[in-house]
Amino acid sequence: MDDNTLKVGSNEMELVDFRIFKQEEDGVYEGIYGINVSKVREIIRVPNLTELPGTPEFIEGIFDLREVVIPVVNLAKWMGISPPEDIANNSRVIITEFNNVLIGFVVHEAKRIRRISWSDIESASFMSGSDGLDASKITGVTKIEGDNVLLILDLESVVQDLGLYSPDVDATPEDMESFSGLALVLDDSSTARKIVKEALQKMGFKVVEASDGKDGLAKLDELYSTYGDGIANQLKIIISDVEMPQMDGFHFAANVKEDGRFNNIPIVFNSSISDHFSENRGKEAGGEAYLVKFEASSFYNEVSRVVRAHIK
């Protein structure tokens, strides 16, 4: 592994920095956005698209990429932004894959790859909304050069709102096992935490929630102060997202596995990132399983398998 490769537990991520330009009366405003490189398949010029009748105007159409039909969303139109007239010359389509779904997003310019520490990324909860966005569509913000701010888009939330992806949450196995004890759930998305919490409660667990890796470590300290060295008999499993501000799931897991108080508690990663590289990184970080959000039967089966192995 060379120095340019992201290392497990480094608490860093790589972003594709892209731009959306807005025409205003006094000039052109440049919006700076990012998406995790792990979700990007490739970046291409805007292809010939087949329009789909009856769809919202921000869905530009579909095209065939190596025998896979991919829908294409125009982010500027979705945001309600009017771009400069000549912007199409530099436009690109970012082909993404997450939640095992391929989707293209038209952006005005794909700028560069940035490596950023999660500790430098703040929650977007303070945002009241701008350019058609609200805080629920942004997973974090970070400062870059020139005192500019880069917004990390929550594309899963976008495509879910568009009806292009719908999580499977109701496929409960008839023979699902019942467990007892606690489960710790880490995710910066309150919606994702709610889905996982309800699934774990169906399995019999009482759920403790955390909003990111730092909060997760704090919750573990609180649980240890209550249960002491018997914590592993009470806390049966940890379910952690990967992408979280302040401390990502891999860095959180590395901390847990290095702490003798908690290192026997199994960790299952539950992420929208669906590439094999991230799955391998999850194993390196000490995870017992890596799940892609959210397919209920796989979730129940894997969590049951991991908990059974832990109990034995």
C-alpha atoms as a PDB file:
ATOM      1  CA  MET A   1       0.000   0.000   0.000  1.00  0.00           C
ATOM      2  CA  ASP A   2       1.592   3.272  -1.102  1.00  0.00           C
ATOM      3  CA  ASP A   3       1.393   6.646   0.589  1.00  0.00           C
ATOM      4  CA  ASN A   4      -1.364   7.807  -1.782  1.00  0.00           C
ATOM      5  CA  THR A   5      -3.770   5.022  -0.811  1.00  0.00           C
ATOM      6  CA  LEU A   6      -6.374   5.673   1.846  1.00  0.00           C
ATOM      7  CA  LYS A   7      -5.543   3.562   4.884  1.00  0.00           C
ATOM      8  CA  VAL A   8      -8.161   1.905   7.054  1.00  0.00           C
ATOM      9  CA  GLY A   9      -8.763   3.930  10.192  1.00  0.00           C
ATOM     10  CA  SER A  10      -7.155   7.092   8.772  1.00  0.00           C
ATOM     11  CA  ASN A  11     -10.475   8.978   9.157  1.00  0.00           C
ATOM     12  CA  GLU A  12     -10.017  10.427   5.677  1.00  0.00           C
ATOM     13  CA  MET A  13     -12.149  10.365   2.561  1.00  0.00           C
ATOM     14  CA  GLU A  14     -11.642  11.307  -1.073  1.00  0.00           C
ATOM     15  CA  LEU A  15     -14.191  13.521  -2.797  1.00  0.00           C
ATOM     16  CA  VAL A  16     -14.940  14.385  -6.386  1.00  0.00           C
ATOM     17  CA  ASP A  17     -15.137  18.190  -6.293  1.00  0.00           C
ATOM     18  CA  PHE A  18     -17.738  19.385  -8.811  1.00  0.00           C
ATOM     19  CA  ARG A  19     -19.378  22.720  -9.555  1.00  0.00           C
ATOM     20  CA  ILE A  20     -22.886  23.998 -10.285  1.00  0.00           C
ATOM     21  CA  PHE A  21     -23.022  27.545 -11.685  1.00  0.00           C
ATOM     22  CA  LYS A  22     -25.934  29.917 -11.143  1.00  0.00           C
ATOM     23  CA  GLN A  23     -26.658  32.984 -13.259  1.00  0.00           C
ATOM     24  CA  GLU A  24     -27.472  35.988 -11.095  1.00  0.00           C
ATOM     25  CA  GLU A  25     -28.066  39.646 -11.943  1.00  0.00           C
ATOM     26  CA  ASP A  26     -24.623  40.693 -10.759  1.00  0.00           C
ATOM     27  CA  GLY A  27     -22.719  37.777 -12.261  1.00  0.00           C
ATOM     28  CA  VAL A  28     -22.250  34.041 -11.993  1.00  0.00           C
ATOM     29  CA  TYR A  29     -22.286  32.268  -8.625  1.00  0.00           C
ATOM     30  CA  GLU A  30     -20.151  29.116  -8.297  1.00  0.00           C
ATOM     31  CA  GLY A  31     -21.549  26.401  -6.039  1.00  0.00           C
ATOM     32  CA  ILE A  32     -18.954  23.908  -4.772  1.00  0.00           C
ATOM     33  CA  TYR A  33     -20.103  20.371  -4.046  1.00  0.00           C
ATOM     34  CA  GLY A  34     -18.623  16.958  -3.414  1.00  0.00           C
ATOM     35  CA  ILE A  35     -19.388  13.261  -3.558  1.00  0.00           C
ATOM     36  CA  ASN A  36     -17.420  10.371  -2.097  1.00  0.00           C
ATOM     37  CA  VAL A  37     -15.073   8.834  -4.686  1.00  0.00           C
ATOM     38  CA  SER A  38     -16.193   5.397  -3.487  1.00  0.00           C
ATOM     39  CA  LYS A  39     -19.594   6.093  -5.045  1.00  0.00           C
ATOM     40  CA  VAL A  40     -18.229   7.242  -8.424  1.00  0.00           C
ATOM     41  CA  ARG A  41     -17.873   4.746 -11.266  1.00  0.00           C
ATOM     42  CA  GLU A  42     -16.661   7.214 -13.900  1.00  0.00           C
ATOM     43  CA  ILE A  43     -17.088  10.747 -15.244  1.00  0.00           C
ATOM     44  CA  ILE A  44     -18.099  11.197 -18.894  1.00  0.00           C
ATOM     45  CA  ARG A  45     -19.247  13.858 -21.322  1.00  0.00           C
ATOM     46  CA  VAL A  46     -23.003  14.252 -21.570  1.00  0.00           C
ATOM     47  CA  PRO A  47     -24.151  11.416 -23.889  1.00  0.00           C
ATOM     48  CA  ASN A  48     -27.118  11.318 -26.234  1.00  0.00           C
ATOM     49  CA  LEU A  49     -30.084  10.783 -23.962  1.00  0.00           C
ATOM     50  CA  THR A  50     -33.487   9.243 -24.576  1.00  0.00           C
ATOM     51  CA  GLU A  51     -36.161  11.370 -22.948  1.00  0.00           C
ATOM     52  CA  LEU A  52     -38.779   9.711 -20.766  1.00  0.00           C
ATOM     53  CA  PRO A  53     -42.316  11.139 -21.218  1.00  0.00           C
ATOM     54  CA  GLY A  54     -44.127  12.066 -18.035  1.00  0.00           C
ATOM     55  CA  THR A  55     -41.045  12.378 -15.852  1.00  0.00           C
ATOM     56  CA  PRO A  56     -40.000  15.542 -13.963  1.00  0.00           C
ATOM     57  CA  GLU A  57     -37.917  17.975 -16.016  1.00  0.00           C
ATOM     58  CA  PHE A  58     -34.821  17.406 -13.906  1.00  0.00           C
ATOM     59  CA  ILE A  59     -34.676  13.794 -15.134  1.00  0.00           C
ATOM     60  CA  GLU A  60     -32.856  14.377 -18.399  1.00  0.00           C
ATOM     61  CA  GLY A  61     -33.451  10.882 -19.733  1.00  0.00           C
ATOM     62  CA  ILE A  62     -31.714   7.524 -19.955  1.00  0.00           C
ATOM     63  CA  PHE A  63     -28.789   6.101 -21.896  1.00  0.00           C
ATOM     64  CA  ASP A  64     -27.084   2.775 -22.413  1.00  0.00           C
ATOM     65  CA  LEU A  65     -23.651   2.403 -20.823  1.00  0.00           C
ATOM     66  CA  ARG A  66     -22.129  -0.927 -21.784  1.00  0.00           C
ATOM     67  CA  GLU A  67     -25.552  -2.607 -21.883  1.00  0.00           C
ATOM     68  CA  VAL A  68     -26.730  -1.048 -18.613  1.00  0.00           C
ATOM     69  CA  VAL A  69     -29.570   1.495 -18.819  1.00  0.00           C
ATOM     70  CA  ILE A  70     -28.792   4.470 -16.585  1.00  0.00           C
ATOM     71  CA  PRO A  71     -31.163   7.319 -15.612  1.00  0.00           C
ATOM     72  CA  VAL A  72     -29.616  10.786 -15.624  1.00  0.00           C
ATOM     73  CA  VAL A  73     -30.579  13.561 -13.187  1.00  0.00           C
ATOM     74  CA  ASN A  74     -29.739  17.213 -13.883  1.00  0.00           C
ATOM     75  CA  LEU A  75     -28.674  18.543 -10.476  1.00  0.00           C
ATOM     76  CA  ALA A  76     -29.046  22.212 -11.429  1.00  0.00           C
ATOM     77  CA  LYS A  77     -32.644  21.678 -12.545  1.00  0.00           C
ATOM     78  CA  TRP A  78     -33.385  19.679  -9.413  1.00  0.00           C
ATOM     79  CA  MET A  79     -32.013  22.552  -7.312  1.00  0.00           C
ATOM     80  CA  GLY A  80     -34.063  25.088  -9.274  1.00  0.00           C
ATOM     81  CA  ILE A  81     -30.907  26.841 -10.501  1.00  0.00           C
ATOM     82  CA  SER A  82     -30.748  28.788 -13.767  1.00  0.00           C
ATOM     83  CA  PRO A  83     -27.234  28.287 -15.178  1.00  0.00           C
ATOM     84  CA  PRO A  84     -25.358  30.551 -17.625  1.00  0.00           C
ATOM     85  CA  GLU A  85     -26.373  29.912 -21.254  1.00  0.00           C
ATOM     86  CA  ASP A  86     -22.976  28.563 -22.370  1.00  0.00           C
ATOM     87  CA  ILE A  87     -22.494  26.180 -19.451  1.00  0.00           C
ATOM     88  CA  ALA A  88     -23.323  23.027 -21.452  1.00  0.00           C
ATOM     89  CA  ASN A  89     -19.892  23.100 -23.121  1.00  0.00           C
ATOM     90  CA  ASN A  90     -18.132  21.888 -19.940  1.00  0.00           C
ATOM     91  CA  SER A  91     -20.931  19.790 -18.454  1.00  0.00           C
ATOM     92  CA  ARG A  92     -20.163  16.247 -17.386  1.00  0.00           C
ATOM     93  CA  VAL A  93     -22.121  13.257 -16.110  1.00  0.00           C
ATOM     94  CA  ILE A  94     -20.890  11.667 -12.900  1.00  0.00           C
ATOM     95  CA  ILE A  95     -21.859   7.991 -13.025  1.00  0.00           C
ATOM     96  CA  THR A  96     -22.495   6.865  -9.457  1.00  0.00           C
ATOM     97  CA  GLU A  97     -23.212   3.554  -7.789  1.00  0.00           C
ATOM     98  CA  PHE A  98     -24.675   3.325  -4.315  1.00  0.00           C
ATOM     99  CA  ASN A  99     -27.328   1.128  -2.713  1.00  0.00           C
ATOM    100  CA  ASN A 100     -26.506  -1.199  -5.649  1.00  0.00           C
ATOM    101  CA  VAL A 101     -28.096   1.313  -8.049  1.00  0.00           C
ATOM    102  CA  LEU A 102     -26.412   3.085 -10.995  1.00  0.00           C
ATOM    103  CA  ILE A 103     -27.446   6.724 -11.585  1.00  0.00           C
ATOM    104  CA  GLY A 104     -25.880   9.588 -13.549  1.00  0.00           C
ATOM    105  CA  PHE A 105     -25.816  13.214 -12.391  1.00  0.00           C
ATOM    106  CA  VAL A 106     -25.244  16.142 -14.761  1.00  0.00           C
ATOM    107  CA  VAL A 107     -22.869  18.707 -13.248  1.00  0.00           C
ATOM    108  CA  HIS A 108     -21.408  21.844 -14.820  1.00  0.00           C
ATOM    109  CA  GLU A 109     -17.777  21.035 -14.126  1.00  0.00           C
ATOM    110  CA  ALA A 110     -15.892  18.149 -12.505  1.00  0.00           C
ATOM    111  CA  LYS A 111     -12.959  19.901 -10.897  1.00  0.00           C
ATOM    112  CA  ARG A 112     -10.626  17.561  -9.007  1.00  0.00           C
ATOM    113  CA  ILE A 113     -10.197  14.860  -6.371  1.00  0.00           C
ATOM    114  CA  ARG A 114      -9.808  16.102  -2.803  1.00  0.00           C
ATOM    115  CA  ARG A 115      -8.625  14.173   0.223  1.00  0.00           C
ATOM    116  CA  ILE A 116     -10.315  15.483   3.354  1.00  0.00           C
ATOM    117  CA  SER A 117     -10.315  14.411   6.985  1.00  0.00           C
ATOM    118  CA  TRP A 118     -13.740  13.592   8.392  1.00  0.00           C
ATOM    119  CA  SER A 119     -12.723  15.605  11.459  1.00  0.00           C
ATOM    120  CA  ASP A 120     -12.806  18.724   9.244  1.00  0.00           C
ATOM    121  CA  ILE A 121     -16.352  18.007   8.081  1.00  0.00           C
ATOM    122  CA  GLU A 122     -19.164  19.592  10.051  1.00  0.00           C
ATOM    123  CA  SER A 123     -22.809  18.617  10.153  1.00  0.00           C
ATOM    124  CA  ALA A 124     -25.142  20.621   7.911  1.00  0.00           C
ATOM    125  CA  SER A 125     -27.880  20.745  10.540  1.00  0.00           C
ATOM    126  CA  PHE A 126     -27.398  24.505  10.929  1.00  0.00           C
ATOM    127  CA  MET A 127     -28.378  25.176   7.308  1.00  0.00           C
ATOM    128  CA  SER A 128     -31.834  26.578   6.673  1.00  0.00           C
ATOM    129  CA  GLY A 129     -31.696  25.900   2.926  1.00  0.00           C
ATOM    130  CA  SER A 130     -30.259  27.584  -0.125  1.00  0.00           C
ATOM    131  CA  ASP A 131     -30.351  27.057  -3.882  1.00  0.00           C
ATOM    132  CA  GLY A 132     -33.233  24.613  -3.486  1.00  0.00           C
ATOM    133  CA  LEU A 133     -31.355  22.528  -0.924  1.00  0.00           C
ATOM    134  CA  ASP A 134     -32.182  21.839   2.681  1.00  0.00           C
ATOM    135  CA  ALA A 135     -29.999  20.371   5.370  1.00  0.00           C
ATOM    136  CA  SER A 136     -31.470  16.891   4.866  1.00  0.00           C
ATOM    137  CA  LYS A 137     -29.892  16.771   1.390  1.00  0.00           C
ATOM    138  CA  ILE A 138     -26.405  17.627   2.678  1.00  0.00           C
ATOM    139  CA  THR A 139     -24.346  15.201   4.747  1.00  0.00           C
ATOM    140  CA  GLY A 140     -21.671  17.718   5.700  1.00  0.00           C
ATOM    141  CA  VAL A 141     -19.792  20.911   4.940  1.00  0.00           C
ATOM    142  CA  THR A 142     -16.069  21.659   4.967  1.00  0.00           C
ATOM    143  CA  LYS A 143     -13.900  24.683   4.300  1.00  0.00           C
ATOM    144  CA  ILE A 144     -11.473  24.634   1.394  1.00  0.00           C
ATOM    145  CA  GLU A 145      -8.957  27.143   0.060  1.00  0.00           C
ATOM    146  CA  GLY A 146      -9.943  30.796  -0.225  1.00  0.00           C
ATOM    147  CA  ASP A 147     -12.418  30.469   2.665  1.00  0.00           C
ATOM    148  CA  ASN A 148     -14.812  28.700   0.307  1.00  0.00           C
ATOM    149  CA  VAL A 149     -17.230  26.073   1.576  1.00  0.00           C
ATOM    150  CA  LEU A 150     -17.780  22.688  -0.046  1.00  0.00           C
ATOM    151  CA  LEU A 151     -21.132  20.950   0.469  1.00  0.00           C
ATOM    152  CA  ILE A 152     -21.244  17.150   0.477  1.00  0.00           C
ATOM    153  CA  LEU A 153     -24.514  16.094  -1.124  1.00  0.00           C
ATOM    154  CA  ASP A 154     -26.628  13.253   0.235  1.00  0.00           C
ATOM    155  CA  LEU A 155     -27.401  11.750  -3.163  1.00  0.00           C
ATOM    156  CA  GLU A 156     -29.195   8.768  -1.601  1.00  0.00           C
ATOM    157  CA  SER A 157     -31.772  11.155  -0.171  1.00  0.00           C
ATOM    158  CA  VAL A 158     -32.076  12.862  -3.559  1.00  0.00           C
ATOM    159  CA  VAL A 159     -32.754   9.685  -5.522  1.00  0.00           C
ATOM    160  CA  GLN A 160     -35.095   8.383  -2.839  1.00  0.00           C
ATOM    161  CA  ASP A 161     -37.147  11.576  -3.150  1.00  0.00           C
ATOM    162  CA  LEU A 162     -37.161  11.121  -6.928  1.00  0.00           C
ATOM    163  CA  GLY A 163     -38.523   7.604  -6.586  1.00  0.00           C
ATOM    164  CA  LEU A 164     -35.442   6.067  -8.233  1.00  0.00           C
ATOM    165  CA  TYR A 165     -34.571   4.088  -5.104  1.00  0.00           C
ATOM    166  CA  SER A 166     -36.773   2.777  -2.336  1.00  0.00           C
ATOM    167  CA  PRO A 167     -35.239   0.889   0.607  1.00  0.00           C
ATOM    168  CA  ASP A 168     -36.666  -2.525   1.424  1.00  0.00           C
ATOM    169  CA  VAL A 169     -37.679  -2.336   5.075  1.00  0.00           C
ATOM    170  CA  ASP A 170     -40.569  -4.774   5.458  1.00  0.00           C
ATOM    171  CA  ALA A 171     -39.209  -8.173   4.367  1.00  0.00           C
ATOM    172  CA  THR A 172     -39.270  -9.787   7.795  1.00  0.00           C
ATOM    173  CA  PRO A 173     -38.372 -13.505   7.704  1.00  0.00           C
ATOM    174  CA  GLU A 174     -41.075 -15.748   9.156  1.00  0.00           C
ATOM    175  CA  ASP A 175     -38.466 -17.683  11.140  1.00  0.00           C
ATOM    176  CA  MET A 176     -36.581 -14.602  12.394  1.00  0.00           C
ATOM    177  CA  GLU A 177     -34.778 -15.275  15.661  1.00  0.00           C
ATOM    178  CA  SER A 178     -35.489 -13.251  18.783  1.00  0.00           C
ATOM    179  CA  PHE A 179     -32.622 -11.814  20.810  1.00  0.00           C
ATOM    180  CA  SER A 180     -32.213  -9.783  23.972  1.00  0.00           C
ATOM    181  CA  GLY A 181     -29.756  -7.136  25.094  1.00  0.00           C
ATOM    182  CA  LEU A 182     -28.547  -3.897  23.562  1.00  0.00           C
ATOM    183  CA  ALA A 183     -27.533  -2.795  20.068  1.00  0.00           C
ATOM    184  CA  LEU A 184     -25.617   0.406  19.298  1.00  0.00           C
ATOM    185  CA  VAL A 185     -26.509   2.104  16.000  1.00  0.00           C
ATOM    186  CA  LEU A 186     -24.306   4.793  14.420  1.00  0.00           C
ATOM    187  CA  ASP A 187     -25.535   6.861  11.486  1.00  0.00           C
ATOM    188  CA  ASP A 188     -25.579  10.587  10.781  1.00  0.00           C
ATOM    189  CA  SER A 189     -28.935  10.204   8.998  1.00  0.00           C
ATOM    190  CA  SER A 190     -31.875  10.185  11.401  1.00  0.00           C
ATOM    191  CA  THR A 191     -33.932   8.455   8.692  1.00  0.00           C
ATOM    192  CA  ALA A 192     -31.368   5.653   8.346  1.00  0.00           C
ATOM    193  CA  ARG A 193     -31.120   5.281  12.140  1.00  0.00           C
ATOM    194  CA  LYS A 194     -34.897   4.948  12.345  1.00  0.00           C
ATOM    195  CA  ILE A 195     -34.939   2.149   9.738  1.00  0.00           C
ATOM    196  CA  VAL A 196     -32.150   0.213  11.470  1.00  0.00           C
ATOM    197  CA  LYS A 197     -33.589   0.844  14.933  1.00  0.00           C
ATOM    198  CA  GLU A 198     -36.995  -0.534  13.957  1.00  0.00           C
ATOM    199  CA  ALA A 199     -35.377  -3.606  12.361  1.00  0.00           C
ATOM    200  CA  LEU A 200     -33.324  -4.322  15.494  1.00  0.00           C
ATOM    201  CA  GLN A 201     -36.323  -3.804  17.756  1.00  0.00           C
ATOM    202  CA  LYS A 202     -38.205  -6.415  15.726  1.00  0.00           C
ATOM    203  CA  MET A 203     -35.335  -8.766  16.588  1.00  0.00           C
ATOM    204  CA  GLY A 204     -35.763  -8.023  20.312  1.00  0.00           C
ATOM    205  CA  PHE A 205     -32.900  -5.584  20.903  1.00  0.00           C
ATOM    206  CA  LYS A 206     -33.044  -2.349  22.842  1.00  0.00           C
ATOM    207  CA  VAL A 207     -31.309   0.291  20.732  1.00  0.00           C
ATOM    208  CA  VAL A 208     -28.832   3.019  21.695  1.00  0.00           C
ATOM    209  CA  GLU A 209     -28.305   5.643  18.958  1.00  0.00           C
ATOM    210  CA  ALA A 210     -25.255   7.712  17.979  1.00  0.00           C
ATOM    211  CA  SER A 211     -24.925  10.305  15.227  1.00  0.00           C
ATOM    212  CA  ASP A 212     -21.265   9.693  14.262  1.00  0.00           C
ATOM    213  CA  GLY A 213     -18.103   7.892  15.331  1.00  0.00           C
ATOM    214  CA  LYS A 214     -17.188  10.359  18.088  1.00  0.00           C
ATOM    215  CA  ASP A 215     -20.689  10.141  19.507  1.00  0.00           C
ATOM    216  CA  GLY A 216     -20.480   6.353  19.226  1.00  0.00           C
ATOM    217  CA  LEU A 217     -17.312   6.227  21.334  1.00  0.00           C
ATOM    218  CA  ALA A 218     -18.957   8.487  23.905  1.00  0.00           C
ATOM    219  CA  LYS A 219     -22.000   6.188  24.037  1.00  0.00           C
ATOM    220  CA  LEU A 220     -19.683   3.193  24.586  1.00  0.00           C
ATOM    221  CA  ASP A 221     -18.018   4.996  27.513  1.00  0.00           C
ATOM    222  CA  GLU A 222     -21.473   5.680  29.008  1.00  0.00           C
ATOM    223  CA  LEU A 223     -22.462   2.036  28.630  1.00  0.00           C
ATOM    224  CA  TYR A 224     -19.203   0.910  30.239  1.00  0.00           C
ATOM    225  CA  SER A 225     -19.820   3.190  33.206  1.00  0.00           C
ATOM    226  CA  THR A 226     -23.146   1.374  33.656  1.00  0.00           C
ATOM    227  CA  TYR A 227     -22.178  -2.250  32.969  1.00  0.00           C
ATOM    228  CA  GLY A 228     -18.422  -2.281  33.592  1.00  0.00           C
ATOM    229  CA  ASP A 229     -16.540  -5.360  32.412  1.00  0.00           C
ATOM    230  CA  GLY A 230     -19.859  -7.107  31.777  1.00  0.00           C
ATOM    231  CA  ILE A 231     -20.639  -4.796  28.861  1.00  0.00           C
ATOM    232  CA  ALA A 232     -20.067  -7.514  26.255  1.00  0.00           C
ATOM    233  CA  ASN A 233     -22.853  -9.545  27.892  1.00  0.00           C
ATOM    234  CA  GLN A 234     -25.235  -6.609  27.454  1.00  0.00           C
ATOM    235  CA  LEU A 235     -24.155  -4.955  24.187  1.00  0.00           C
ATOM    236  CA  LYS A 236     -24.577  -7.716  21.619  1.00  0.00           C
ATOM    237  CA  ILE A 237     -23.803  -5.828  18.399  1.00  0.00           C
ATOM    238  CA  ILE A 238     -22.771  -2.478  16.883  1.00  0.00           C
ATOM    239  CA  ILE A 239     -24.265  -1.380  13.541  1.00  0.00           C
ATOM    240  CA  SER A 240     -22.251   1.445  11.980  1.00  0.00           C
ATOM    241  CA  ASP A 241     -22.576   3.604   8.904  1.00  0.00           C
ATOM    242  CA  VAL A 242     -19.308   4.399   7.091  1.00  0.00           C
ATOM    243  CA  GLU A 243     -19.733   8.032   5.951  1.00  0.00           C
ATOM    244  CA  MET A 244     -20.155  10.248   9.011  1.00  0.00           C
ATOM    245  CA  PRO A 245     -18.870  13.732   9.912  1.00  0.00           C
ATOM    246  CA  GLN A 246     -16.201  14.079  12.618  1.00  0.00           C
ATOM    247  CA  MET A 247     -15.321  10.361  12.635  1.00  0.00           C
ATOM    248  CA  ASP A 248     -16.188   7.805   9.974  1.00  0.00           C
ATOM    249  CA  GLY A 249     -17.192   4.219  10.626  1.00  0.00           C
ATOM    250  CA  PHE A 250     -13.805   2.696   9.795  1.00  0.00           C
ATOM    251  CA  HIS A 251     -11.958   4.999  12.193  1.00  0.00           C
ATOM    252  CA  PHE A 252     -14.587   4.335  14.848  1.00  0.00           C
ATOM    253  CA  ALA A 253     -14.145   0.566  14.398  1.00  0.00           C
ATOM    254  CA  ALA A 254     -10.360   0.848  14.618  1.00  0.00           C
ATOM    255  CA  ASN A 255     -10.737   2.656  17.947  1.00  0.00           C
ATOM    256  CA  VAL A 256     -13.163   0.034  19.254  1.00  0.00           C
ATOM    257  CA  LYS A 257     -10.942  -2.893  18.267  1.00  0.00           C
ATOM    258  CA  GLU A 258      -7.940  -1.280  19.966  1.00  0.00           C
ATOM    259  CA  ASP A 259      -9.856  -0.807  23.234  1.00  0.00           C
ATOM    260  CA  GLY A 260      -9.754  -3.874  25.468  1.00  0.00           C
ATOM    261  CA  ARG A 261     -13.098  -2.958  27.020  1.00  0.00           C
ATOM    262  CA  PHE A 262     -14.969  -3.264  23.714  1.00  0.00           C
ATOM    263  CA  ASN A 263     -12.881  -5.262  21.257  1.00  0.00           C
ATOM    264  CA  ASN A 264     -14.990  -8.422  21.614  1.00  0.00           C
ATOM    265  CA  ILE A 265     -18.214  -6.666  20.606  1.00  0.00           C
ATOM    266  CA  PRO A 266     -19.004  -7.445  16.944  1.00  0.00           C
ATOM    267  CA  ILE A 267     -19.353  -4.617  14.421  1.00  0.00           C
ATOM    268  CA  VAL A 268     -21.467  -4.745  11.260  1.00  0.00           C
ATOM    269  CA  PHE A 269     -21.066  -1.962   8.714  1.00  0.00           C
ATOM    270  CA  ASN A 270     -24.282  -0.756   7.065  1.00  0.00           C
ATOM    271  CA  SER A 271     -23.457   1.635   4.223  1.00  0.00           C
ATOM    272  CA  SER A 272     -24.796   2.941   0.918  1.00  0.00           C
ATOM    273  CA  ILE A 273     -21.314   2.455  -0.593  1.00  0.00           C
ATOM    274  CA  SER A 274     -21.558  -0.731  -2.621  1.00  0.00           C
ATOM    275  CA  ASP A 275     -18.052  -1.242  -4.014  1.00  0.00           C
ATOM    276  CA  HIS A 276     -15.872  -4.244  -3.096  1.00  0.00           C
ATOM    277  CA  PHE A 277     -12.983  -1.988  -2.024  1.00  0.00           C
ATOM    278  CA  SER A 278     -15.069  -0.543   0.812  1.00  0.00           C
ATOM    279  CA  GLU A 279     -16.248  -4.027   1.774  1.00  0.00           C
ATOM    280  CA  ASN A 280     -12.615  -5.119   2.065  1.00  0.00           C
ATOM    281  CA  ARG A 281     -11.769  -2.014   4.081  1.00  0.00           C
ATOM    282  CA  GLY A 282     -14.593  -2.901   6.446  1.00  0.00           C
ATOM    283  CA  LYS A 283     -13.056  -6.308   7.079  1.00  0.00           C
ATOM    284  CA  GLU A 284      -9.631  -4.737   7.625  1.00  0.00           C
ATOM    285  CA  ALA A 285     -11.178  -2.356  10.165  1.00  0.00           C
ATOM    286  CA  GLY A 286     -12.480  -5.314  12.162  1.00  0.00           C
ATOM    287  CA  GLY A 287     -16.052  -5.577  10.907  1.00  0.00           C
ATOM    288  CA  GLU A 288     -17.726  -8.990  11.024  1.00  0.00           C
ATOM    289  CA  ALA A 289     -19.965  -8.110   8.068  1.00  0.00           C
ATOM    290  CA  TYR A 290     -20.538  -5.359   5.496  1.00  0.00           C
ATOM    291  CA  LEU A 291     -24.104  -4.673   4.359  1.00  0.00           C
ATOM    292  CA  VAL A 292     -25.396  -2.311   1.679  1.00  0.00           C
ATOM    293  CA  LYS A 293     -28.388  -0.206   2.755  1.00  0.00           C
ATOM    294  CA  PHE A 294     -31.084  -1.420   3.016  1.00  0.00           C
ATOM    295  CA  GLU A 295     -32.291  -4.901   2.158  1.00  0.00           C
ATOM    296  CA  ALA A 296     -34.246  -6.247   5.106  1.00  0.00           C
ATOM    297  CA  SER A 297     -33.787 -10.001   4.686  1.00  0.00           C
ATOM    298  CA  SER A 298     -30.000  -9.663   4.266  1.00  0.00           C
ATOM    299  CA  PHE A 299     -29.887  -7.387   7.309  1.00  0.00           C
ATOM    300  CA  TYR A 300     -31.809  -9.809   9.535  1.00  0.00           C
ATOM    301  CA  ASN A 301     -29.843 -12.825   8.335  1.00  0.00           C
ATOM    302  CA  GLU A 302     -26.386 -11.274   8.738  1.00  0.00           C
ATOM    303  CA  VAL A 303     -27.108  -9.653  12.096  1.00  0.00           C
ATOM    304  CA  SER A 304     -28.500 -12.953  13.387  1.00  0.00           C
ATOM    305  CA  ARG A 305     -25.420 -14.834  12.156  1.00  0.00           C
ATOM    306  CA  VAL A 306     -23.003 -12.362  13.748  1.00  0.00           C
ATOM    307  CA  VAL A 307     -24.841 -12.235  17.094  1.00  0.00           C
ATOM    308  CA  ARG A 308     -25.082 -16.037  17.275  1.00  0.00           C
ATOM    309  CA  ALA A 309     -21.332 -16.310  16.678  1.00  0.00           C
ATOM    310  CA  HIS A 310     -20.700 -13.689  19.377  1.00  0.00           C
ATOM    311  CA  ILE A 311     -22.888 -15.477  21.922  1.00  0.00           C
ATOM    312  CA  LYS A 312     -21.063 -18.750  21.349  1.00  0.00           C
END
